[in-house]
Amino acid sequence: MGPFESPTAQLENQEASRRKQLARRPRMRRCLLKGCEQRFHPRQARQRYCSERCQEGARKWSRWKAQQRYRETAAGQQKRNGQSRRYRERVKSRIRPESEEVNDPARVITTEHFFRSLLRPARLLRGVCACTAKPLTTLLLTSVPARAGARPRAGAALETGARFNPEILIRQPSSP
């Protein structure tokens, strides 16, 4: 079949019948790095990873996998055995420092705050000092009410309705 009589008229008709195509963005994809698998809009058509960090992680994994594959081959095993042998020889040939005898007296490093954690705070020591040894008469007569008409010593609180309680004497520890 030959060309049309008016090729320009045909092109104009074809352009009119076509829809104008919009610039397409690639569809959302999942990041191919295992563990990330985040959905993202790729900026380029062949973009496989969502970020630079994932891309670097993929590169690192790829190098590790290639190393594993190489070590499985006979040449890789031979090379690795040679490396191990040379390392063992280097360790054996290291100069070990001879033990030096020290004639100086041993240094003692004292720490100032060694017992500080074991001590009670000052606010608790006030209560300990207040509980000093008391005479036996004080312990015996604490629960006995004052006689009617007797005057209490200066600064003592008035007792009202106090009765003798023998359990107080039983609970008190005897001093050695």
N, C-alpha and C. Protein backbone atom coordinates (compact mmCIF):
# COMPACT_ATOMS: atom_id res chain seq x y z
N MET A 1 0.83 -1.17 0.00
CA MET A 1 0.00 0.00 0.00
C MET A 1 0.87 1.23 0.00
N GLY A 2 0.54 2.18 -0.75
CA GLY A 2 1.35 3.36 -0.93
C GLY A 2 1.00 4.44 0.07
N PRO A 3 1.79 5.50 0.01
CA PRO A 3 1.53 6.61 0.92
C PRO A 3 0.26 7.37 0.54
N PHE A 4 -0.31 8.05 1.54
CA PHE A 4 -1.52 8.83 1.27
C PHE A 4 -1.18 10.03 0.42
N GLU A 5 -2.23 10.59 -0.17
CA GLU A 5 -2.00 11.74 -1.03
C GLU A 5 -1.50 12.94 -0.25
N SER A 6 -2.02 13.13 0.96
CA SER A 6 -1.60 14.28 1.77
C SER A 6 -1.10 13.76 3.13
N PRO A 7 0.21 13.51 3.26
CA PRO A 7 0.73 12.96 4.51
C PRO A 7 0.55 13.90 5.71
N THR A 8 0.54 15.20 5.49
CA THR A 8 0.39 16.13 6.62
C THR A 8 -1.01 16.07 7.19
N ALA A 9 -2.01 15.86 6.38
CA ALA A 9 -3.39 15.80 6.86
C ALA A 9 -3.58 14.57 7.75
N GLN A 10 -2.93 13.47 7.40
CA GLN A 10 -3.06 12.25 8.19
C GLN A 10 -2.44 12.42 9.58
N LEU A 11 -1.28 13.08 9.69
CA LEU A 11 -0.63 13.30 10.97
C LEU A 11 -1.49 14.18 11.87
N GLU A 12 -2.10 15.20 11.30
CA GLU A 12 -2.96 16.08 12.09
C GLU A 12 -4.15 15.31 12.65
N ASN A 13 -4.73 14.41 11.85
CA ASN A 13 -5.88 13.63 12.30
C ASN A 13 -5.47 12.65 13.40
N GLN A 14 -4.31 12.06 13.27
CA GLN A 14 -3.86 11.10 14.27
C GLN A 14 -3.60 11.78 15.61
N GLU A 15 -3.01 12.96 15.60
CA GLU A 15 -2.74 13.67 16.84
C GLU A 15 -4.03 14.05 17.55
N ALA A 16 -5.04 14.37 16.81
CA ALA A 16 -6.31 14.78 17.39
C ALA A 16 -6.99 13.59 18.07
N SER A 17 -6.81 12.38 17.50
CA SER A 17 -7.49 11.21 18.05
C SER A 17 -6.79 10.66 19.30
N ARG A 18 -5.52 10.90 19.47
CA ARG A 18 -4.79 10.42 20.65
C ARG A 18 -5.08 11.29 21.87
N ARG A 19 -5.11 10.63 23.05
CA ARG A 19 -5.21 11.41 24.28
C ARG A 19 -3.82 11.86 24.68
N LYS A 20 -3.79 13.00 25.26
CA LYS A 20 -2.50 13.51 25.68
C LYS A 20 -2.07 12.73 26.93
N GLN A 21 -0.87 12.12 26.91
CA GLN A 21 -0.40 11.32 28.03
C GLN A 21 0.28 12.20 29.08
N LEU A 22 -0.06 11.93 30.35
CA LEU A 22 0.55 12.66 31.46
C LEU A 22 1.90 12.04 31.77
N ALA A 23 2.76 12.82 32.36
CA ALA A 23 4.06 12.30 32.79
C ALA A 23 3.79 11.32 33.92
N ARG A 24 4.26 10.10 33.76
CA ARG A 24 3.95 9.06 34.74
C ARG A 24 5.04 8.97 35.80
N ARG A 25 4.59 8.75 37.04
CA ARG A 25 5.52 8.47 38.13
C ARG A 25 5.51 6.97 38.35
N PRO A 26 6.64 6.41 38.72
CA PRO A 26 6.62 4.98 39.03
C PRO A 26 5.72 4.73 40.24
N ARG A 27 5.08 3.58 40.25
CA ARG A 27 4.16 3.26 41.35
C ARG A 27 4.94 3.03 42.66
N MET A 28 4.22 2.99 43.77
CA MET A 28 4.87 2.77 45.06
C MET A 28 5.46 1.36 45.09
N ARG A 29 6.60 1.24 45.72
CA ARG A 29 7.26 -0.06 45.84
C ARG A 29 7.63 -0.30 47.28
N ARG A 30 8.03 -1.53 47.56
CA ARG A 30 8.55 -1.88 48.87
C ARG A 30 10.08 -1.90 48.78
N CYS A 31 10.71 -1.45 49.83
CA CYS A 31 12.17 -1.49 49.91
C CYS A 31 12.60 -2.95 49.93
N LEU A 32 13.61 -3.30 49.15
CA LEU A 32 14.02 -4.69 49.03
C LEU A 32 14.97 -5.16 50.13
N LEU A 33 15.38 -4.25 51.01
CA LEU A 33 16.26 -4.65 52.10
C LEU A 33 15.45 -5.43 53.13
N LYS A 34 15.93 -6.62 53.47
CA LYS A 34 15.21 -7.44 54.44
C LYS A 34 15.20 -6.75 55.79
N GLY A 35 14.03 -6.66 56.40
CA GLY A 35 13.89 -5.99 57.68
C GLY A 35 13.31 -4.60 57.53
N CYS A 36 13.52 -3.95 56.40
CA CYS A 36 12.95 -2.61 56.19
C CYS A 36 11.59 -2.74 55.51
N GLU A 37 11.57 -3.17 54.28
CA GLU A 37 10.37 -3.44 53.50
C GLU A 37 9.33 -2.33 53.61
N GLN A 38 9.80 -1.09 53.66
CA GLN A 38 8.93 0.07 53.77
C GLN A 38 8.44 0.47 52.38
N ARG A 39 7.22 1.00 52.30
CA ARG A 39 6.69 1.44 51.01
C ARG A 39 7.23 2.84 50.72
N PHE A 40 7.61 3.09 49.45
CA PHE A 40 8.15 4.40 49.08
C PHE A 40 7.88 4.67 47.61
N HIS A 41 7.94 5.95 47.25
CA HIS A 41 7.81 6.36 45.84
C HIS A 41 9.22 6.47 45.28
N PRO A 42 9.59 5.63 44.32
CA PRO A 42 10.95 5.72 43.76
C PRO A 42 11.13 7.00 42.94
N ARG A 43 12.31 7.61 43.04
CA ARG A 43 12.61 8.80 42.25
C ARG A 43 13.13 8.42 40.87
N GLN A 44 13.64 7.20 40.75
CA GLN A 44 14.11 6.71 39.46
C GLN A 44 13.42 5.39 39.19
N ALA A 45 13.39 4.98 37.93
CA ALA A 45 12.64 3.79 37.56
C ALA A 45 13.20 2.52 38.19
N ARG A 46 14.52 2.44 38.34
CA ARG A 46 15.11 1.21 38.86
C ARG A 46 15.55 1.32 40.31
N GLN A 47 14.97 2.24 41.05
CA GLN A 47 15.35 2.43 42.46
C GLN A 47 14.75 1.30 43.29
N ARG A 48 15.60 0.60 44.05
CA ARG A 48 15.15 -0.58 44.79
C ARG A 48 15.06 -0.36 46.29
N TYR A 49 15.74 0.66 46.80
CA TYR A 49 15.81 0.87 48.25
C TYR A 49 15.27 2.25 48.60
N CYS A 50 14.65 2.35 49.77
CA CYS A 50 13.95 3.58 50.14
C CYS A 50 14.89 4.72 50.53
N SER A 51 16.08 4.42 51.01
CA SER A 51 16.97 5.49 51.47
C SER A 51 18.42 5.10 51.23
N GLU A 52 19.30 6.07 51.45
CA GLU A 52 20.74 5.82 51.31
C GLU A 52 21.21 4.79 52.34
N ARG A 53 20.62 4.85 53.54
CA ARG A 53 21.02 3.91 54.59
C ARG A 53 20.70 2.47 54.19
N CYS A 54 19.51 2.27 53.59
CA CYS A 54 19.15 0.92 53.14
C CYS A 54 20.04 0.48 51.98
N GLN A 55 20.38 1.41 51.12
CA GLN A 55 21.25 1.08 49.99
C GLN A 55 22.63 0.67 50.48
N GLU A 56 23.14 1.37 51.49
CA GLU A 56 24.45 1.03 52.05
C GLU A 56 24.38 -0.33 52.75
N GLY A 57 23.27 -0.60 53.45
CA GLY A 57 23.10 -1.90 54.10
C GLY A 57 23.07 -3.03 53.09
N ALA A 58 22.41 -2.80 51.96
CA ALA A 58 22.36 -3.81 50.91
C ALA A 58 23.74 -4.07 50.31
N ARG A 59 24.52 -2.98 50.15
CA ARG A 59 25.88 -3.14 49.63
C ARG A 59 26.74 -3.95 50.59
N LYS A 60 26.59 -3.67 51.87
CA LYS A 60 27.36 -4.38 52.89
C LYS A 60 27.01 -5.87 52.89
N TRP A 61 25.71 -6.16 52.81
CA TRP A 61 25.27 -7.56 52.78
C TRP A 61 25.79 -8.25 51.53
N SER A 62 25.78 -7.54 50.40
CA SER A 62 26.24 -8.12 49.13
C SER A 62 27.72 -8.49 49.22
N ARG A 63 28.53 -7.61 49.81
CA ARG A 63 29.96 -7.92 49.97
C ARG A 63 30.16 -9.12 50.88
N TRP A 64 29.38 -9.18 51.98
CA TRP A 64 29.49 -10.31 52.91
C TRP A 64 29.13 -11.61 52.21
N LYS A 65 28.06 -11.60 51.41
CA LYS A 65 27.61 -12.81 50.72
C LYS A 65 28.65 -13.27 49.69
N ALA A 66 29.24 -12.30 48.99
CA ALA A 66 30.27 -12.65 48.01
C ALA A 66 31.47 -13.29 48.71
N GLN A 67 31.82 -12.77 49.87
CA GLN A 67 32.94 -13.33 50.63
C GLN A 67 32.63 -14.76 51.06
N GLN A 68 31.40 -15.01 51.50
CA GLN A 68 31.01 -16.36 51.90
C GLN A 68 31.08 -17.33 50.72
N ARG A 69 30.60 -16.86 49.57
CA ARG A 69 30.64 -17.72 48.38
C ARG A 69 32.08 -18.04 47.98
N TYR A 70 32.98 -17.05 48.07
CA TYR A 70 34.37 -17.26 47.70
C TYR A 70 35.03 -18.24 48.66
N ARG A 71 34.73 -18.15 49.95
CA ARG A 71 35.35 -19.04 50.93
C ARG A 71 34.91 -20.48 50.75
N GLU A 72 33.79 -20.70 50.09
CA GLU A 72 33.34 -22.08 49.84
C GLU A 72 34.13 -22.74 48.71
N THR A 73 34.77 -21.94 47.87
CA THR A 73 35.54 -22.52 46.77
C THR A 73 36.87 -23.04 47.29
N ALA A 74 37.53 -23.90 46.49
CA ALA A 74 38.82 -24.47 46.90
C ALA A 74 39.89 -23.39 47.02
N ALA A 75 39.90 -22.45 46.07
CA ALA A 75 40.90 -21.37 46.12
C ALA A 75 40.69 -20.50 47.36
N GLY A 76 39.45 -20.23 47.70
CA GLY A 76 39.15 -19.41 48.88
C GLY A 76 39.57 -20.10 50.16
N GLN A 77 39.34 -21.40 50.24
CA GLN A 77 39.73 -22.15 51.44
C GLN A 77 41.24 -22.19 51.59
N GLN A 78 41.92 -22.37 50.48
CA GLN A 78 43.38 -22.42 50.51
C GLN A 78 43.96 -21.08 50.97
N LYS A 79 43.39 -19.99 50.45
CA LYS A 79 43.86 -18.66 50.82
C LYS A 79 43.61 -18.40 52.30
N ARG A 80 42.44 -18.79 52.79
CA ARG A 80 42.09 -18.58 54.20
C ARG A 80 43.00 -19.40 55.13
N ASN A 81 43.31 -20.64 54.73
CA ASN A 81 44.21 -21.47 55.53
C ASN A 81 45.59 -20.84 55.62
N GLY A 82 46.05 -20.26 54.51
CA GLY A 82 47.35 -19.58 54.50
C GLY A 82 47.35 -18.38 55.45
N GLN A 83 46.26 -17.62 55.43
CA GLN A 83 46.16 -16.47 56.34
C GLN A 83 46.22 -16.92 57.79
N SER A 84 45.48 -17.98 58.11
CA SER A 84 45.45 -18.48 59.49
C SER A 84 46.82 -18.96 59.93
N ARG A 85 47.53 -19.67 59.03
CA ARG A 85 48.85 -20.19 59.36
C ARG A 85 49.83 -19.05 59.62
N ARG A 86 49.80 -18.02 58.77
CA ARG A 86 50.70 -16.88 58.95
C ARG A 86 50.40 -16.14 60.26
N TYR A 87 49.12 -16.03 60.62
CA TYR A 87 48.75 -15.37 61.87
C TYR A 87 49.29 -16.14 63.07
N ARG A 88 49.16 -17.47 63.04
CA ARG A 88 49.66 -18.29 64.16
C ARG A 88 51.17 -18.15 64.30
N GLU A 89 51.89 -18.07 63.17
CA GLU A 89 53.35 -17.89 63.22
C GLU A 89 53.70 -16.52 63.81
N ARG A 90 52.94 -15.48 63.44
CA ARG A 90 53.21 -14.15 63.99
C ARG A 90 53.01 -14.13 65.50
N VAL A 91 51.98 -14.80 65.99
CA VAL A 91 51.71 -14.82 67.42
C VAL A 91 52.83 -15.54 68.16
N LYS A 92 53.33 -16.65 67.60
CA LYS A 92 54.43 -17.38 68.24
C LYS A 92 55.71 -16.56 68.28
N SER A 93 55.96 -15.79 67.23
CA SER A 93 57.23 -15.06 67.14
C SER A 93 57.21 -13.74 67.90
N ARG A 94 56.10 -13.36 68.50
CA ARG A 94 56.05 -12.13 69.27
C ARG A 94 56.99 -12.22 70.46
N ILE A 95 57.64 -11.13 70.77
CA ILE A 95 58.56 -11.11 71.90
C ILE A 95 57.74 -10.95 73.16
N ARG A 96 57.89 -11.94 74.04
CA ARG A 96 57.16 -11.87 75.30
C ARG A 96 58.00 -11.08 76.30
N PRO A 97 57.40 -10.14 77.01
CA PRO A 97 58.19 -9.36 77.98
C PRO A 97 58.57 -10.24 79.16
N GLU A 98 59.86 -10.16 79.54
CA GLU A 98 60.33 -10.94 80.67
C GLU A 98 59.80 -10.32 81.95
N SER A 99 59.53 -11.18 82.92
CA SER A 99 59.00 -10.66 84.18
C SER A 99 60.11 -9.93 84.93
N GLU A 100 59.82 -8.74 85.36
CA GLU A 100 60.80 -7.94 86.08
C GLU A 100 60.49 -8.00 87.57
N GLU A 101 61.52 -8.23 88.35
CA GLU A 101 61.33 -8.26 89.79
C GLU A 101 61.40 -6.83 90.32
N VAL A 102 60.45 -6.51 91.15
CA VAL A 102 60.39 -5.17 91.71
C VAL A 102 60.81 -5.24 93.17
N ASN A 103 61.83 -4.49 93.52
CA ASN A 103 62.32 -4.49 94.90
C ASN A 103 61.68 -3.39 95.74
N ASP A 104 60.92 -2.54 95.12
CA ASP A 104 60.27 -1.46 95.85
C ASP A 104 59.16 -2.02 96.72
N PRO A 105 58.90 -1.38 97.85
CA PRO A 105 57.78 -1.84 98.68
C PRO A 105 56.45 -1.61 97.95
N ALA A 106 55.50 -2.42 98.29
CA ALA A 106 54.20 -2.33 97.63
C ALA A 106 53.53 -1.01 97.98
N ARG A 107 52.93 -0.41 96.99
CA ARG A 107 52.20 0.84 97.22
C ARG A 107 50.79 0.52 97.66
N VAL A 108 50.32 1.24 98.63
CA VAL A 108 48.96 1.06 99.11
C VAL A 108 48.17 2.29 98.69
N ILE A 109 47.14 2.05 97.94
CA ILE A 109 46.31 3.17 97.50
C ILE A 109 45.08 3.19 98.40
N THR A 110 44.98 4.23 99.20
CA THR A 110 43.83 4.31 100.10
C THR A 110 42.75 5.16 99.44
N THR A 111 41.56 4.76 99.69
CA THR A 111 40.44 5.56 99.19
C THR A 111 39.78 6.21 100.39
N GLU A 112 39.59 7.51 100.31
CA GLU A 112 39.06 8.26 101.44
C GLU A 112 37.64 7.86 101.76
N HIS A 113 36.89 7.61 100.77
CA HIS A 113 35.46 7.40 100.97
C HIS A 113 35.09 5.93 100.99
N PHE A 114 36.01 5.08 101.44
CA PHE A 114 35.73 3.64 101.41
C PHE A 114 34.59 3.28 102.36
N PHE A 115 34.62 3.82 103.59
CA PHE A 115 33.61 3.47 104.59
C PHE A 115 32.41 4.40 104.56
N ARG A 116 32.46 5.43 103.74
CA ARG A 116 31.39 6.42 103.76
C ARG A 116 30.04 5.80 103.42
N SER A 117 29.99 4.83 102.53
CA SER A 117 28.71 4.22 102.17
C SER A 117 28.17 3.37 103.29
N LEU A 118 29.03 2.92 104.22
CA LEU A 118 28.58 2.08 105.32
C LEU A 118 28.10 2.90 106.52
N LEU A 119 28.44 4.19 106.56
CA LEU A 119 28.06 5.01 107.70
C LEU A 119 26.61 5.46 107.59
N ARG A 120 26.01 5.71 108.77
CA ARG A 120 24.64 6.23 108.80
C ARG A 120 24.69 7.73 108.58
N PRO A 121 23.65 8.29 107.98
CA PRO A 121 23.62 9.75 107.84
C PRO A 121 23.47 10.41 109.20
N ALA A 122 23.82 11.68 109.30
CA ALA A 122 23.84 12.41 110.57
C ALA A 122 22.45 12.47 111.20
N ARG A 123 21.41 12.58 110.37
CA ARG A 123 20.06 12.68 110.93
C ARG A 123 19.67 11.41 111.67
N LEU A 124 20.20 10.26 111.26
CA LEU A 124 19.90 9.02 111.97
C LEU A 124 20.76 8.88 113.23
N LEU A 125 21.94 9.48 113.21
CA LEU A 125 22.82 9.38 114.39
C LEU A 125 22.25 10.16 115.58
N ARG A 126 21.50 11.23 115.30
CA ARG A 126 20.89 11.98 116.40
C ARG A 126 19.98 11.08 117.22
N GLY A 127 19.21 10.21 116.54
CA GLY A 127 18.32 9.30 117.25
C GLY A 127 19.08 8.24 118.02
N VAL A 128 20.23 7.81 117.50
CA VAL A 128 21.04 6.79 118.18
C VAL A 128 21.64 7.38 119.46
N CYS A 129 22.12 8.62 119.36
CA CYS A 129 22.71 9.26 120.53
C CYS A 129 21.66 9.50 121.61
N ALA A 130 20.44 9.77 121.24
CA ALA A 130 19.38 10.04 122.20
C ALA A 130 19.00 8.77 122.95
N CYS A 131 19.22 7.62 122.36
CA CYS A 131 18.87 6.35 122.99
C CYS A 131 20.07 5.80 123.76
N THR A 132 20.67 6.62 124.55
CA THR A 132 21.80 6.15 125.35
C THR A 132 21.29 5.32 126.52
N ALA A 133 22.20 4.74 127.26
CA ALA A 133 21.81 3.87 128.39
C ALA A 133 21.09 4.69 129.45
N LYS A 134 19.95 4.17 129.91
CA LYS A 134 19.16 4.85 130.93
C LYS A 134 19.18 4.01 132.20
N PRO A 135 19.06 4.66 133.32
CA PRO A 135 19.05 3.88 134.57
C PRO A 135 17.80 3.01 134.66
N LEU A 136 17.91 1.93 135.43
CA LEU A 136 16.82 0.96 135.56
C LEU A 136 15.57 1.59 136.18
N THR A 137 15.75 2.51 137.08
CA THR A 137 14.58 3.14 137.73
C THR A 137 13.76 3.92 136.72
N THR A 138 14.42 4.52 135.75
CA THR A 138 13.70 5.26 134.72
C THR A 138 12.83 4.31 133.91
N LEU A 139 13.37 3.15 133.58
CA LEU A 139 12.60 2.18 132.81
C LEU A 139 11.42 1.64 133.62
N LEU A 140 11.65 1.40 134.90
CA LEU A 140 10.59 0.83 135.73
C LEU A 140 9.48 1.82 136.01
N LEU A 141 9.82 3.06 136.18
CA LEU A 141 8.83 4.04 136.62
C LEU A 141 8.20 4.83 135.47
N THR A 142 8.51 4.51 134.22
CA THR A 142 7.93 5.27 133.11
C THR A 142 6.43 5.07 133.02
N SER A 143 5.94 3.88 133.31
CA SER A 143 4.51 3.64 133.17
C SER A 143 3.74 3.82 134.47
N VAL A 144 4.42 4.09 135.58
CA VAL A 144 3.75 4.28 136.87
C VAL A 144 3.31 5.74 136.97
N PRO A 145 2.02 5.97 137.26
CA PRO A 145 1.56 7.35 137.34
C PRO A 145 2.10 8.05 138.59
N ALA A 146 2.20 9.34 138.49
CA ALA A 146 2.67 10.11 139.64
C ALA A 146 1.60 10.08 140.74
N ARG A 147 2.04 10.14 141.96
CA ARG A 147 1.12 10.10 143.08
C ARG A 147 0.26 11.35 143.09
N ALA A 148 -0.94 11.21 143.61
CA ALA A 148 -1.82 12.37 143.71
C ALA A 148 -1.18 13.41 144.60
N GLY A 149 -1.10 14.62 144.14
CA GLY A 149 -0.51 15.71 144.92
C GLY A 149 0.97 15.86 144.71
N ALA A 150 1.62 14.89 144.03
CA ALA A 150 3.06 15.01 143.81
C ALA A 150 3.28 15.97 142.65
N ARG A 151 4.31 16.75 142.75
CA ARG A 151 4.60 17.70 141.68
C ARG A 151 5.57 17.08 140.68
N PRO A 152 5.25 17.13 139.40
CA PRO A 152 6.19 16.60 138.40
C PRO A 152 7.41 17.50 138.29
N ARG A 153 8.50 16.91 137.83
CA ARG A 153 9.72 17.69 137.69
C ARG A 153 9.53 18.76 136.61
N ALA A 154 10.36 19.70 136.59
CA ALA A 154 10.21 20.85 135.70
C ALA A 154 10.29 20.39 134.23
N GLY A 155 9.36 20.82 133.41
CA GLY A 155 9.34 20.51 131.98
C GLY A 155 8.72 19.19 131.63
N ALA A 156 8.25 18.39 132.61
CA ALA A 156 7.66 17.10 132.30
C ALA A 156 6.18 17.29 131.99
N ALA A 157 5.67 16.49 131.09
CA ALA A 157 4.25 16.57 130.74
C ALA A 157 3.43 15.90 131.83
N LEU A 158 2.25 16.41 132.02
CA LEU A 158 1.37 15.82 133.03
C LEU A 158 0.82 14.50 132.51
N GLU A 159 0.82 13.49 133.36
CA GLU A 159 0.28 12.20 132.96
C GLU A 159 -1.14 12.11 133.48
N THR A 160 -2.03 11.64 132.63
CA THR A 160 -3.42 11.48 133.06
C THR A 160 -3.84 10.07 132.74
N GLY A 161 -4.27 9.37 133.72
CA GLY A 161 -4.82 8.04 133.51
C GLY A 161 -3.82 7.00 133.10
N ALA A 162 -2.54 7.20 133.35
CA ALA A 162 -1.57 6.19 132.97
C ALA A 162 -1.62 5.04 133.96
N ARG A 163 -1.47 3.83 133.46
CA ARG A 163 -1.52 2.65 134.33
C ARG A 163 -0.23 1.86 134.15
N PHE A 164 0.05 1.04 135.10
CA PHE A 164 1.23 0.18 135.06
C PHE A 164 1.01 -0.91 134.02
N ASN A 165 1.99 -1.11 133.12
CA ASN A 165 1.90 -2.13 132.08
C ASN A 165 3.10 -3.05 132.23
N PRO A 166 2.90 -4.30 132.67
CA PRO A 166 4.05 -5.19 132.88
C PRO A 166 4.71 -5.65 131.59
N GLU A 167 4.02 -5.54 130.44
CA GLU A 167 4.61 -5.98 129.16
C GLU A 167 5.79 -5.11 128.75
N ILE A 168 5.77 -3.87 129.20
CA ILE A 168 6.88 -2.97 128.84
C ILE A 168 8.18 -3.50 129.43
N LEU A 169 8.09 -4.02 130.65
CA LEU A 169 9.31 -4.54 131.29
C LEU A 169 9.79 -5.80 130.59
N ILE A 170 8.85 -6.61 130.07
CA ILE A 170 9.25 -7.86 129.40
C ILE A 170 9.92 -7.58 128.07
N ARG A 171 9.40 -6.59 127.32
CA ARG A 171 9.93 -6.29 125.98
C ARG A 171 11.29 -5.61 126.01
N GLN A 172 11.60 -4.94 127.10
CA GLN A 172 12.86 -4.21 127.16
C GLN A 172 14.03 -5.19 127.27
N PRO A 173 15.07 -5.03 126.42
CA PRO A 173 16.22 -5.92 126.51
C PRO A 173 17.03 -5.62 127.76
N SER A 174 17.53 -6.66 128.35
CA SER A 174 18.34 -6.47 129.56
C SER A 174 19.74 -6.09 129.17
N SER A 175 20.33 -5.11 129.87
CA SER A 175 21.69 -4.69 129.53
C SER A 175 22.69 -5.62 130.18
N PRO A 176 23.75 -5.97 129.48
CA PRO A 176 24.73 -6.91 130.00
C PRO A 176 25.61 -6.33 131.06
